[in-house]
Amino acid sequence: MKGFKRFLMQGNLIVIAVGLVVATAFSTLIKAFTDNVITPLIDAAGGSSTKSGLTYVVNGQKITLGAFISAIVYFVIFMAVVYFVLVVPYRSYMNRRGQSVFGEPAPTRTCPHCLSDDLPARATKCKYCTSELPAAA
């Protein structure tokens, strides 16, 4: 039980759990916004004042274009909220602690022999074809 308790009380696990709860709450809020504001606006732009909106029937199958566009708007808004409310402050907090998260990936280079492009910039030998690499400039 002590090991399990230590696992649960790790700082990163707590941050992830809080982030998940906050993301779920924002998800519900943004879903309500897109369902009740964005979708009716998209349907109204389609020229329909009925509940069907941008709905088309093809061979008896109903295609709800307004709901699809609303889902795209929902996704974009949700990801923007997650980025600006969770990622940016967390990155700032971790930078103050001296740790880099969500940063730029390490520089890579391409092997001139096998054309693998994910080799570390300071590599002297290709990890795929084992060819000697020229010195990095």
N, C-alpha and C. Protein backbone atom coordinates (compact mmCIF):
# COMPACT_ATOMS: atom_id res chain seq x y z
N MET A 1 0.82 -1.20 0.00
CA MET A 1 0.00 0.00 0.00
C MET A 1 0.86 1.26 0.00
N LYS A 2 2.05 1.22 0.63
CA LYS A 2 2.90 2.40 0.68
C LYS A 2 3.37 2.78 -0.71
N GLY A 3 3.74 1.77 -1.51
CA GLY A 3 4.19 2.04 -2.87
C GLY A 3 3.08 2.66 -3.71
N PHE A 4 1.87 2.14 -3.54
CA PHE A 4 0.72 2.67 -4.28
C PHE A 4 0.44 4.11 -3.86
N LYS A 5 0.54 4.39 -2.55
CA LYS A 5 0.31 5.74 -2.05
C LYS A 5 1.36 6.70 -2.63
N ARG A 6 2.63 6.28 -2.65
CA ARG A 6 3.69 7.13 -3.22
C ARG A 6 3.43 7.40 -4.70
N PHE A 7 2.97 6.36 -5.41
CA PHE A 7 2.65 6.52 -6.83
C PHE A 7 1.54 7.55 -7.02
N LEU A 8 0.49 7.46 -6.22
CA LEU A 8 -0.63 8.39 -6.34
C LEU A 8 -0.26 9.81 -5.97
N MET A 9 0.70 9.97 -5.08
CA MET A 9 1.05 11.31 -4.60
C MET A 9 2.19 11.95 -5.38
N GLN A 10 2.63 11.33 -6.45
CA GLN A 10 3.66 11.94 -7.28
C GLN A 10 3.13 13.25 -7.84
N GLY A 11 3.98 14.23 -7.92
CA GLY A 11 3.56 15.54 -8.40
C GLY A 11 3.01 15.52 -9.80
N ASN A 12 3.67 14.82 -10.72
CA ASN A 12 3.21 14.81 -12.10
C ASN A 12 1.86 14.13 -12.25
N LEU A 13 1.62 13.10 -11.49
CA LEU A 13 0.34 12.40 -11.56
C LEU A 13 -0.78 13.30 -11.07
N ILE A 14 -0.54 14.07 -10.02
CA ILE A 14 -1.55 15.00 -9.51
C ILE A 14 -1.83 16.07 -10.55
N VAL A 15 -0.79 16.60 -11.18
CA VAL A 15 -0.97 17.63 -12.21
C VAL A 15 -1.80 17.08 -13.37
N ILE A 16 -1.50 15.87 -13.78
CA ILE A 16 -2.24 15.25 -14.88
C ILE A 16 -3.70 15.05 -14.50
N ALA A 17 -3.95 14.59 -13.28
CA ALA A 17 -5.32 14.36 -12.84
C ALA A 17 -6.11 15.66 -12.77
N VAL A 18 -5.50 16.70 -12.23
CA VAL A 18 -6.17 18.00 -12.17
C VAL A 18 -6.42 18.52 -13.58
N GLY A 19 -5.44 18.39 -14.45
CA GLY A 19 -5.59 18.82 -15.83
C GLY A 19 -6.72 18.09 -16.53
N LEU A 20 -6.86 16.80 -16.27
CA LEU A 20 -7.92 16.01 -16.87
C LEU A 20 -9.29 16.48 -16.39
N VAL A 21 -9.42 16.75 -15.11
CA VAL A 21 -10.69 17.23 -14.57
C VAL A 21 -11.04 18.59 -15.15
N VAL A 22 -10.06 19.49 -15.21
CA VAL A 22 -10.30 20.82 -15.77
C VAL A 22 -10.66 20.71 -17.26
N ALA A 23 -9.96 19.85 -17.99
CA ALA A 23 -10.24 19.67 -19.41
C ALA A 23 -11.65 19.13 -19.63
N THR A 24 -12.08 18.22 -18.78
CA THR A 24 -13.43 17.67 -18.90
C THR A 24 -14.48 18.76 -18.65
N ALA A 25 -14.23 19.59 -17.66
CA ALA A 25 -15.17 20.68 -17.37
C ALA A 25 -15.23 21.66 -18.54
N PHE A 26 -14.07 22.02 -19.08
CA PHE A 26 -14.06 22.92 -20.24
C PHE A 26 -14.72 22.27 -21.43
N SER A 27 -14.52 20.98 -21.59
CA SER A 27 -15.14 20.25 -22.70
C SER A 27 -16.66 20.36 -22.64
N THR A 28 -17.22 20.19 -21.47
CA THR A 28 -18.67 20.30 -21.30
C THR A 28 -19.16 21.71 -21.61
N LEU A 29 -18.44 22.70 -21.13
CA LEU A 29 -18.80 24.09 -21.38
C LEU A 29 -18.74 24.43 -22.86
N ILE A 30 -17.68 24.03 -23.52
CA ILE A 30 -17.52 24.36 -24.94
C ILE A 30 -18.51 23.57 -25.79
N LYS A 31 -18.81 22.34 -25.41
CA LYS A 31 -19.80 21.54 -26.14
C LYS A 31 -21.16 22.22 -26.07
N ALA A 32 -21.53 22.72 -24.92
CA ALA A 32 -22.80 23.43 -24.79
C ALA A 32 -22.81 24.69 -25.66
N PHE A 33 -21.69 25.40 -25.70
CA PHE A 33 -21.59 26.61 -26.53
C PHE A 33 -21.75 26.27 -28.01
N THR A 34 -21.05 25.24 -28.48
CA THR A 34 -21.15 24.91 -29.90
C THR A 34 -22.53 24.34 -30.25
N ASP A 35 -23.11 23.54 -29.36
CA ASP A 35 -24.43 22.97 -29.65
C ASP A 35 -25.53 24.02 -29.65
N ASN A 36 -25.42 25.01 -28.75
CA ASN A 36 -26.52 25.96 -28.59
C ASN A 36 -26.30 27.30 -29.26
N VAL A 37 -25.06 27.60 -29.68
CA VAL A 37 -24.80 28.88 -30.34
C VAL A 37 -24.25 28.67 -31.75
N ILE A 38 -23.18 27.92 -31.87
CA ILE A 38 -22.52 27.76 -33.16
C ILE A 38 -23.38 26.98 -34.16
N THR A 39 -23.91 25.84 -33.74
CA THR A 39 -24.72 25.03 -34.65
C THR A 39 -25.95 25.78 -35.15
N PRO A 40 -26.71 26.47 -34.30
CA PRO A 40 -27.84 27.24 -34.84
C PRO A 40 -27.40 28.35 -35.81
N LEU A 41 -26.25 28.97 -35.54
CA LEU A 41 -25.76 29.99 -36.47
C LEU A 41 -25.38 29.38 -37.81
N ILE A 42 -24.73 28.22 -37.79
CA ILE A 42 -24.38 27.55 -39.04
C ILE A 42 -25.62 27.11 -39.79
N ASP A 43 -26.59 26.59 -39.05
CA ASP A 43 -27.85 26.18 -39.68
C ASP A 43 -28.58 27.38 -40.28
N ALA A 44 -28.55 28.51 -39.57
CA ALA A 44 -29.21 29.72 -40.09
C ALA A 44 -28.49 30.22 -41.34
N ALA A 45 -27.18 30.08 -41.38
CA ALA A 45 -26.43 30.49 -42.57
C ALA A 45 -26.78 29.61 -43.76
N GLY A 46 -27.22 28.40 -43.49
CA GLY A 46 -27.64 27.49 -44.54
C GLY A 46 -29.00 27.86 -45.11
N GLY A 47 -29.66 28.85 -44.53
CA GLY A 47 -30.93 29.33 -45.06
C GLY A 47 -32.14 28.59 -44.55
N SER A 48 -32.00 27.81 -43.53
CA SER A 48 -33.12 27.05 -43.01
C SER A 48 -33.52 27.58 -41.65
N SER A 49 -34.80 27.78 -41.48
CA SER A 49 -35.27 28.22 -40.17
C SER A 49 -35.85 27.05 -39.38
N THR A 50 -35.85 25.87 -39.97
CA THR A 50 -36.37 24.70 -39.26
C THR A 50 -35.27 24.06 -38.44
N LYS A 51 -35.62 23.04 -37.71
CA LYS A 51 -34.65 22.34 -36.86
C LYS A 51 -33.63 21.54 -37.68
N SER A 52 -33.96 21.25 -38.95
CA SER A 52 -33.07 20.41 -39.74
C SER A 52 -31.78 21.11 -40.13
N GLY A 53 -31.80 22.42 -40.33
CA GLY A 53 -30.58 23.17 -40.63
C GLY A 53 -29.90 22.69 -41.89
N LEU A 54 -28.59 22.53 -41.82
CA LEU A 54 -27.80 22.07 -42.96
C LEU A 54 -27.81 20.55 -43.01
N THR A 55 -28.98 20.00 -43.24
CA THR A 55 -29.13 18.56 -43.30
C THR A 55 -29.57 18.18 -44.70
N TYR A 56 -28.90 17.19 -45.25
CA TYR A 56 -29.23 16.72 -46.58
C TYR A 56 -29.55 15.23 -46.50
N VAL A 57 -30.41 14.80 -47.42
CA VAL A 57 -30.76 13.38 -47.47
C VAL A 57 -30.27 12.84 -48.81
N VAL A 58 -29.41 11.83 -48.73
CA VAL A 58 -28.87 11.19 -49.92
C VAL A 58 -29.19 9.71 -49.83
N ASN A 59 -29.99 9.24 -50.77
CA ASN A 59 -30.42 7.83 -50.79
C ASN A 59 -30.98 7.38 -49.44
N GLY A 60 -31.77 8.23 -48.84
CA GLY A 60 -32.41 7.89 -47.58
C GLY A 60 -31.53 8.07 -46.35
N GLN A 61 -30.27 8.47 -46.53
CA GLN A 61 -29.36 8.67 -45.41
C GLN A 61 -29.24 10.16 -45.10
N LYS A 62 -29.40 10.50 -43.84
CA LYS A 62 -29.35 11.89 -43.42
C LYS A 62 -27.90 12.32 -43.16
N ILE A 63 -27.47 13.39 -43.82
CA ILE A 63 -26.14 13.95 -43.64
C ILE A 63 -26.32 15.30 -42.96
N THR A 64 -25.81 15.43 -41.75
CA THR A 64 -25.97 16.65 -40.96
C THR A 64 -24.67 17.45 -41.03
N LEU A 65 -24.59 18.33 -42.01
CA LEU A 65 -23.39 19.12 -42.22
C LEU A 65 -23.19 20.13 -41.10
N GLY A 66 -24.26 20.73 -40.60
CA GLY A 66 -24.16 21.70 -39.52
C GLY A 66 -23.53 21.10 -38.27
N ALA A 67 -23.90 19.88 -37.93
CA ALA A 67 -23.34 19.22 -36.76
C ALA A 67 -21.86 18.92 -36.96
N PHE A 68 -21.47 18.57 -38.19
CA PHE A 68 -20.06 18.30 -38.46
C PHE A 68 -19.23 19.58 -38.34
N ILE A 69 -19.70 20.66 -38.92
CA ILE A 69 -18.99 21.95 -38.82
C ILE A 69 -18.93 22.38 -37.36
N SER A 70 -20.00 22.17 -36.63
CA SER A 70 -20.01 22.49 -35.20
C SER A 70 -18.98 21.67 -34.45
N ALA A 71 -18.82 20.41 -34.80
CA ALA A 71 -17.82 19.56 -34.14
C ALA A 71 -16.40 20.06 -34.43
N ILE A 72 -16.17 20.55 -35.64
CA ILE A 72 -14.85 21.11 -35.98
C ILE A 72 -14.60 22.36 -35.15
N VAL A 73 -15.59 23.23 -35.06
CA VAL A 73 -15.45 24.45 -34.26
C VAL A 73 -15.23 24.08 -32.79
N TYR A 74 -15.97 23.10 -32.30
CA TYR A 74 -15.81 22.62 -30.93
C TYR A 74 -14.38 22.16 -30.68
N PHE A 75 -13.83 21.36 -31.59
CA PHE A 75 -12.48 20.85 -31.44
C PHE A 75 -11.46 21.98 -31.39
N VAL A 76 -11.58 22.93 -32.31
CA VAL A 76 -10.63 24.05 -32.36
C VAL A 76 -10.70 24.88 -31.08
N ILE A 77 -11.91 25.19 -30.64
CA ILE A 77 -12.07 25.98 -29.41
C ILE A 77 -11.53 25.20 -28.21
N PHE A 78 -11.86 23.92 -28.13
CA PHE A 78 -11.41 23.11 -27.00
C PHE A 78 -9.89 23.02 -26.94
N MET A 79 -9.25 22.79 -28.07
CA MET A 79 -7.80 22.68 -28.09
C MET A 79 -7.15 24.02 -27.76
N ALA A 80 -7.74 25.12 -28.21
CA ALA A 80 -7.21 26.44 -27.86
C ALA A 80 -7.32 26.68 -26.36
N VAL A 81 -8.44 26.31 -25.77
CA VAL A 81 -8.62 26.47 -24.32
C VAL A 81 -7.61 25.61 -23.57
N VAL A 82 -7.46 24.36 -23.97
CA VAL A 82 -6.49 23.48 -23.30
C VAL A 82 -5.09 24.06 -23.41
N TYR A 83 -4.74 24.56 -24.59
CA TYR A 83 -3.40 25.11 -24.78
C TYR A 83 -3.18 26.33 -23.90
N PHE A 84 -4.09 27.31 -23.96
CA PHE A 84 -3.87 28.56 -23.26
C PHE A 84 -4.14 28.48 -21.75
N VAL A 85 -5.00 27.56 -21.32
CA VAL A 85 -5.34 27.47 -19.90
C VAL A 85 -4.48 26.43 -19.18
N LEU A 86 -4.06 25.39 -19.87
CA LEU A 86 -3.28 24.34 -19.21
C LEU A 86 -1.81 24.30 -19.65
N VAL A 87 -1.57 24.24 -20.94
CA VAL A 87 -0.21 24.03 -21.43
C VAL A 87 0.69 25.23 -21.17
N VAL A 88 0.24 26.42 -21.53
CA VAL A 88 1.08 27.61 -21.37
C VAL A 88 1.43 27.86 -19.90
N PRO A 89 0.46 27.85 -18.98
CA PRO A 89 0.84 28.04 -17.57
C PRO A 89 1.72 26.91 -17.04
N TYR A 90 1.46 25.66 -17.44
CA TYR A 90 2.27 24.54 -16.97
C TYR A 90 3.70 24.67 -17.49
N ARG A 91 3.86 25.05 -18.76
CA ARG A 91 5.20 25.25 -19.32
C ARG A 91 5.93 26.35 -18.57
N SER A 92 5.24 27.44 -18.27
CA SER A 92 5.84 28.54 -17.53
C SER A 92 6.26 28.09 -16.12
N TYR A 93 5.39 27.35 -15.46
CA TYR A 93 5.68 26.85 -14.12
C TYR A 93 6.90 25.93 -14.14
N MET A 94 6.95 25.01 -15.10
CA MET A 94 8.07 24.08 -15.17
C MET A 94 9.36 24.79 -15.55
N ASN A 95 9.30 25.83 -16.39
CA ASN A 95 10.49 26.61 -16.73
C ASN A 95 11.05 27.31 -15.49
N ARG A 96 10.16 27.80 -14.63
CA ARG A 96 10.62 28.43 -13.39
C ARG A 96 11.30 27.42 -12.48
N ARG A 97 10.91 26.16 -12.59
CA ARG A 97 11.53 25.09 -11.80
C ARG A 97 12.79 24.56 -12.47
N GLY A 98 13.10 25.07 -13.66
CA GLY A 98 14.32 24.66 -14.35
C GLY A 98 14.16 23.45 -15.26
N GLN A 99 12.92 23.07 -15.57
CA GLN A 99 12.69 21.93 -16.45
C GLN A 99 11.99 22.40 -17.71
N SER A 100 12.37 21.85 -18.83
CA SER A 100 11.78 22.22 -20.11
C SER A 100 10.76 21.16 -20.51
N VAL A 101 9.53 21.59 -20.76
CA VAL A 101 8.48 20.69 -21.23
C VAL A 101 7.81 21.31 -22.43
N PHE A 102 7.30 20.49 -23.31
CA PHE A 102 6.61 20.93 -24.52
C PHE A 102 7.47 21.89 -25.34
N GLY A 103 8.77 21.72 -25.29
CA GLY A 103 9.68 22.61 -25.99
C GLY A 103 9.97 22.13 -27.40
N GLU A 104 10.92 22.79 -28.02
CA GLU A 104 11.35 22.42 -29.35
C GLU A 104 12.04 21.06 -29.29
N PRO A 105 11.83 20.23 -30.30
CA PRO A 105 12.51 18.94 -30.31
C PRO A 105 14.01 19.14 -30.57
N ALA A 106 14.79 18.16 -30.16
CA ALA A 106 16.23 18.23 -30.37
C ALA A 106 16.54 18.26 -31.86
N PRO A 107 17.58 18.99 -32.24
CA PRO A 107 17.92 19.06 -33.66
C PRO A 107 18.34 17.68 -34.20
N THR A 108 17.99 17.42 -35.44
CA THR A 108 18.33 16.15 -36.07
C THR A 108 19.06 16.40 -37.38
N ARG A 109 19.58 15.33 -37.95
CA ARG A 109 20.24 15.43 -39.24
C ARG A 109 19.88 14.21 -40.07
N THR A 110 20.22 14.24 -41.34
CA THR A 110 19.87 13.17 -42.27
C THR A 110 21.14 12.41 -42.66
N CYS A 111 21.03 11.10 -42.73
CA CYS A 111 22.14 10.26 -43.16
C CYS A 111 22.25 10.36 -44.68
N PRO A 112 23.43 10.69 -45.20
CA PRO A 112 23.57 10.81 -46.66
C PRO A 112 23.49 9.46 -47.38
N HIS A 113 23.64 8.35 -46.66
CA HIS A 113 23.64 7.03 -47.29
C HIS A 113 22.25 6.41 -47.35
N CYS A 114 21.57 6.32 -46.22
CA CYS A 114 20.25 5.67 -46.19
C CYS A 114 19.11 6.68 -46.13
N LEU A 115 19.43 7.96 -46.00
CA LEU A 115 18.47 9.07 -45.98
C LEU A 115 17.53 9.06 -44.77
N SER A 116 17.92 8.38 -43.70
CA SER A 116 17.15 8.46 -42.46
C SER A 116 17.28 9.88 -41.92
N ASP A 117 16.16 10.45 -41.51
CA ASP A 117 16.20 11.87 -41.13
C ASP A 117 15.96 12.14 -39.65
N ASP A 118 16.09 11.13 -38.81
CA ASP A 118 15.84 11.35 -37.39
C ASP A 118 17.08 11.08 -36.53
N LEU A 119 18.24 11.31 -37.08
CA LEU A 119 19.48 11.08 -36.33
C LEU A 119 19.81 12.29 -35.48
N PRO A 120 20.34 12.09 -34.29
CA PRO A 120 20.74 13.23 -33.47
C PRO A 120 21.79 14.08 -34.20
N ALA A 121 21.78 15.36 -33.98
CA ALA A 121 22.66 16.28 -34.68
C ALA A 121 24.14 15.98 -34.41
N ARG A 122 24.46 15.45 -33.25
CA ARG A 122 25.85 15.19 -32.89
C ARG A 122 26.29 13.76 -33.19
N ALA A 123 25.45 12.98 -33.87
CA ALA A 123 25.77 11.58 -34.17
C ALA A 123 26.97 11.50 -35.11
N THR A 124 27.80 10.49 -34.89
CA THR A 124 28.96 10.27 -35.76
C THR A 124 28.75 9.03 -36.62
N LYS A 125 27.73 8.23 -36.28
CA LYS A 125 27.44 7.01 -37.02
C LYS A 125 25.93 6.86 -37.13
N CYS A 126 25.45 6.45 -38.31
CA CYS A 126 24.01 6.26 -38.52
C CYS A 126 23.53 5.04 -37.75
N LYS A 127 22.43 5.17 -37.02
CA LYS A 127 21.93 4.06 -36.22
C LYS A 127 21.20 3.02 -37.06
N TYR A 128 20.95 3.33 -38.32
CA TYR A 128 20.24 2.39 -39.20
C TYR A 128 21.19 1.62 -40.11
N CYS A 129 22.08 2.34 -40.81
CA CYS A 129 22.97 1.67 -41.75
C CYS A 129 24.40 1.60 -41.25
N THR A 130 24.67 2.16 -40.11
CA THR A 130 25.98 2.19 -39.44
C THR A 130 27.08 2.86 -40.25
N SER A 131 26.70 3.71 -41.20
CA SER A 131 27.70 4.46 -41.97
C SER A 131 28.27 5.57 -41.12
N GLU A 132 29.53 5.89 -41.36
CA GLU A 132 30.15 7.02 -40.68
C GLU A 132 29.53 8.31 -41.24
N LEU A 133 29.21 9.24 -40.35
CA LEU A 133 28.62 10.51 -40.78
C LEU A 133 29.68 11.59 -40.77
N PRO A 134 29.60 12.51 -41.72
CA PRO A 134 30.54 13.62 -41.70
C PRO A 134 30.33 14.47 -40.44
N ALA A 135 31.36 15.15 -40.03
CA ALA A 135 31.27 16.00 -38.82
C ALA A 135 30.19 17.03 -39.00
N ALA A 136 29.44 17.28 -37.93
CA ALA A 136 28.36 18.28 -37.98
C ALA A 136 28.96 19.65 -38.11
N ALA A 137 28.33 20.47 -38.95
CA ALA A 137 28.85 21.83 -39.18
C ALA A 137 28.30 22.79 -38.17
